[in-house]
Amino acid sequence: MSHRDYFIVQVDAFKGEHTRVDVTDGGGQPIHAVYCIACQDDKTGVLCFVDYGYATVREARDAWPHAQ
């Protein structure tokens, strides 16, 4: 298995003309952001989420200590 770089990504809500992203807690209440872990796809260069839903940066760092 090759070495991969992992990144902590803050995902916040977005509402555009044709698309939107809602970020809510488990009860459906809006929250500021959620933190996800991503790595870069070798073929496309796109960052792809590999783990989801951390409520804080600290939780994400504790789960993925080598993530940038």
C-alpha atoms as a PDB file:
ATOM      1  CA  MET A   1       0.000   0.000   0.000  1.00  0.00           C
ATOM      2  CA  SER A   2       1.407   3.400  -0.960  1.00  0.00           C
ATOM      3  CA  HIS A   3       1.669   6.361   1.400  1.00  0.00           C
ATOM      4  CA  ARG A   4      -1.316   8.711   1.211  1.00  0.00           C
ATOM      5  CA  ASP A   5      -1.781  12.182   2.540  1.00  0.00           C
ATOM      6  CA  TYR A   6      -5.014  12.765   4.414  1.00  0.00           C
ATOM      7  CA  PHE A   7      -6.642  16.112   4.954  1.00  0.00           C
ATOM      8  CA  ILE A   8      -9.187  17.453   7.422  1.00  0.00           C
ATOM      9  CA  VAL A   9     -11.871  19.292   5.455  1.00  0.00           C
ATOM     10  CA  GLN A  10     -14.363  21.699   7.000  1.00  0.00           C
ATOM     11  CA  VAL A  11     -17.719  21.371   5.251  1.00  0.00           C
ATOM     12  CA  ASP A  12     -20.132  24.224   5.815  1.00  0.00           C
ATOM     13  CA  ALA A  13     -23.607  24.895   4.517  1.00  0.00           C
ATOM     14  CA  PHE A  14     -24.035  26.334   1.040  1.00  0.00           C
ATOM     15  CA  LYS A  15     -27.060  27.470  -0.911  1.00  0.00           C
ATOM     16  CA  GLY A  16     -26.575  28.304  -4.562  1.00  0.00           C
ATOM     17  CA  GLU A  17     -28.946  28.890  -7.426  1.00  0.00           C
ATOM     18  CA  HIS A  18     -29.126  25.211  -8.424  1.00  0.00           C
ATOM     19  CA  THR A  19     -27.492  23.291  -5.567  1.00  0.00           C
ATOM     20  CA  ARG A  20     -27.197  23.308  -1.807  1.00  0.00           C
ATOM     21  CA  VAL A  21     -25.443  21.552   1.048  1.00  0.00           C
ATOM     22  CA  ASP A  22     -27.208  21.325   4.408  1.00  0.00           C
ATOM     23  CA  VAL A  23     -25.142  20.725   7.541  1.00  0.00           C
ATOM     24  CA  THR A  24     -27.169  19.634  10.556  1.00  0.00           C
ATOM     25  CA  ASP A  25     -26.768  17.757  13.815  1.00  0.00           C
ATOM     26  CA  GLY A  26     -28.366  14.367  14.489  1.00  0.00           C
ATOM     27  CA  GLY A  27     -31.636  16.061  15.373  1.00  0.00           C
ATOM     28  CA  GLY A  28     -31.775  18.039  12.141  1.00  0.00           C
ATOM     29  CA  GLN A  29     -30.766  21.377  13.650  1.00  0.00           C
ATOM     30  CA  PRO A  30     -28.403  23.523  11.539  1.00  0.00           C
ATOM     31  CA  ILE A  31     -24.778  23.633  12.714  1.00  0.00           C
ATOM     32  CA  HIS A  32     -21.822  25.731  11.589  1.00  0.00           C
ATOM     33  CA  ALA A  33     -19.791  22.918  10.030  1.00  0.00           C
ATOM     34  CA  VAL A  34     -18.901  19.258  10.025  1.00  0.00           C
ATOM     35  CA  TYR A  35     -15.345  17.917   9.595  1.00  0.00           C
ATOM     36  CA  CYS A  36     -14.439  15.141   7.199  1.00  0.00           C
ATOM     37  CA  ILE A  37     -11.270  13.297   6.203  1.00  0.00           C
ATOM     38  CA  ALA A  38     -10.238  13.266   2.549  1.00  0.00           C
ATOM     39  CA  CYS A  39      -7.456  11.917   0.373  1.00  0.00           C
ATOM     40  CA  GLN A  40      -6.565  12.739  -3.202  1.00  0.00           C
ATOM     41  CA  ASP A  41      -7.689  10.391  -5.966  1.00  0.00           C
ATOM     42  CA  ASP A  42      -4.590   9.243  -7.870  1.00  0.00           C
ATOM     43  CA  LYS A  43      -6.291   9.446 -11.277  1.00  0.00           C
ATOM     44  CA  THR A  44      -8.401  12.598 -11.067  1.00  0.00           C
ATOM     45  CA  GLY A  45      -6.585  14.656  -8.431  1.00  0.00           C
ATOM     46  CA  VAL A  46      -9.918  15.276  -6.707  1.00  0.00           C
ATOM     47  CA  LEU A  47     -10.104  15.125  -2.912  1.00  0.00           C
ATOM     48  CA  CYS A  48     -12.504  12.338  -1.923  1.00  0.00           C
ATOM     49  CA  PHE A  49     -14.012  11.901   1.533  1.00  0.00           C
ATOM     50  CA  VAL A  50     -12.992   8.689   3.301  1.00  0.00           C
ATOM     51  CA  ASP A  51     -14.474   9.436   6.733  1.00  0.00           C
ATOM     52  CA  TYR A  52     -17.326  11.727   7.703  1.00  0.00           C
ATOM     53  CA  GLY A  53     -19.153  13.577  10.390  1.00  0.00           C
ATOM     54  CA  TYR A  54     -16.799  14.824  13.076  1.00  0.00           C
ATOM     55  CA  ALA A  55     -18.373  17.615  15.114  1.00  0.00           C
ATOM     56  CA  THR A  56     -15.069  19.369  15.833  1.00  0.00           C
ATOM     57  CA  VAL A  57     -11.586  19.668  14.400  1.00  0.00           C
ATOM     58  CA  ARG A  58     -10.269  18.113  17.635  1.00  0.00           C
ATOM     59  CA  GLU A  59     -12.395  14.977  17.094  1.00  0.00           C
ATOM     60  CA  ALA A  60     -11.100  14.670  13.533  1.00  0.00           C
ATOM     61  CA  ARG A  61      -7.481  15.140  14.641  1.00  0.00           C
ATOM     62  CA  ASP A  62      -7.861  12.604  17.444  1.00  0.00           C
ATOM     63  CA  ALA A  63      -9.260  10.022  14.997  1.00  0.00           C
ATOM     64  CA  TRP A  64      -6.769  10.847  12.211  1.00  0.00           C
ATOM     65  CA  PRO A  65      -3.598  12.182  13.904  1.00  0.00           C
ATOM     66  CA  HIS A  66      -1.576  12.221  10.665  1.00  0.00           C
ATOM     67  CA  ALA A  67      -4.146  14.226   8.696  1.00  0.00           C
ATOM     68  CA  GLN A  68      -3.095  17.698   7.639  1.00  0.00           C
END
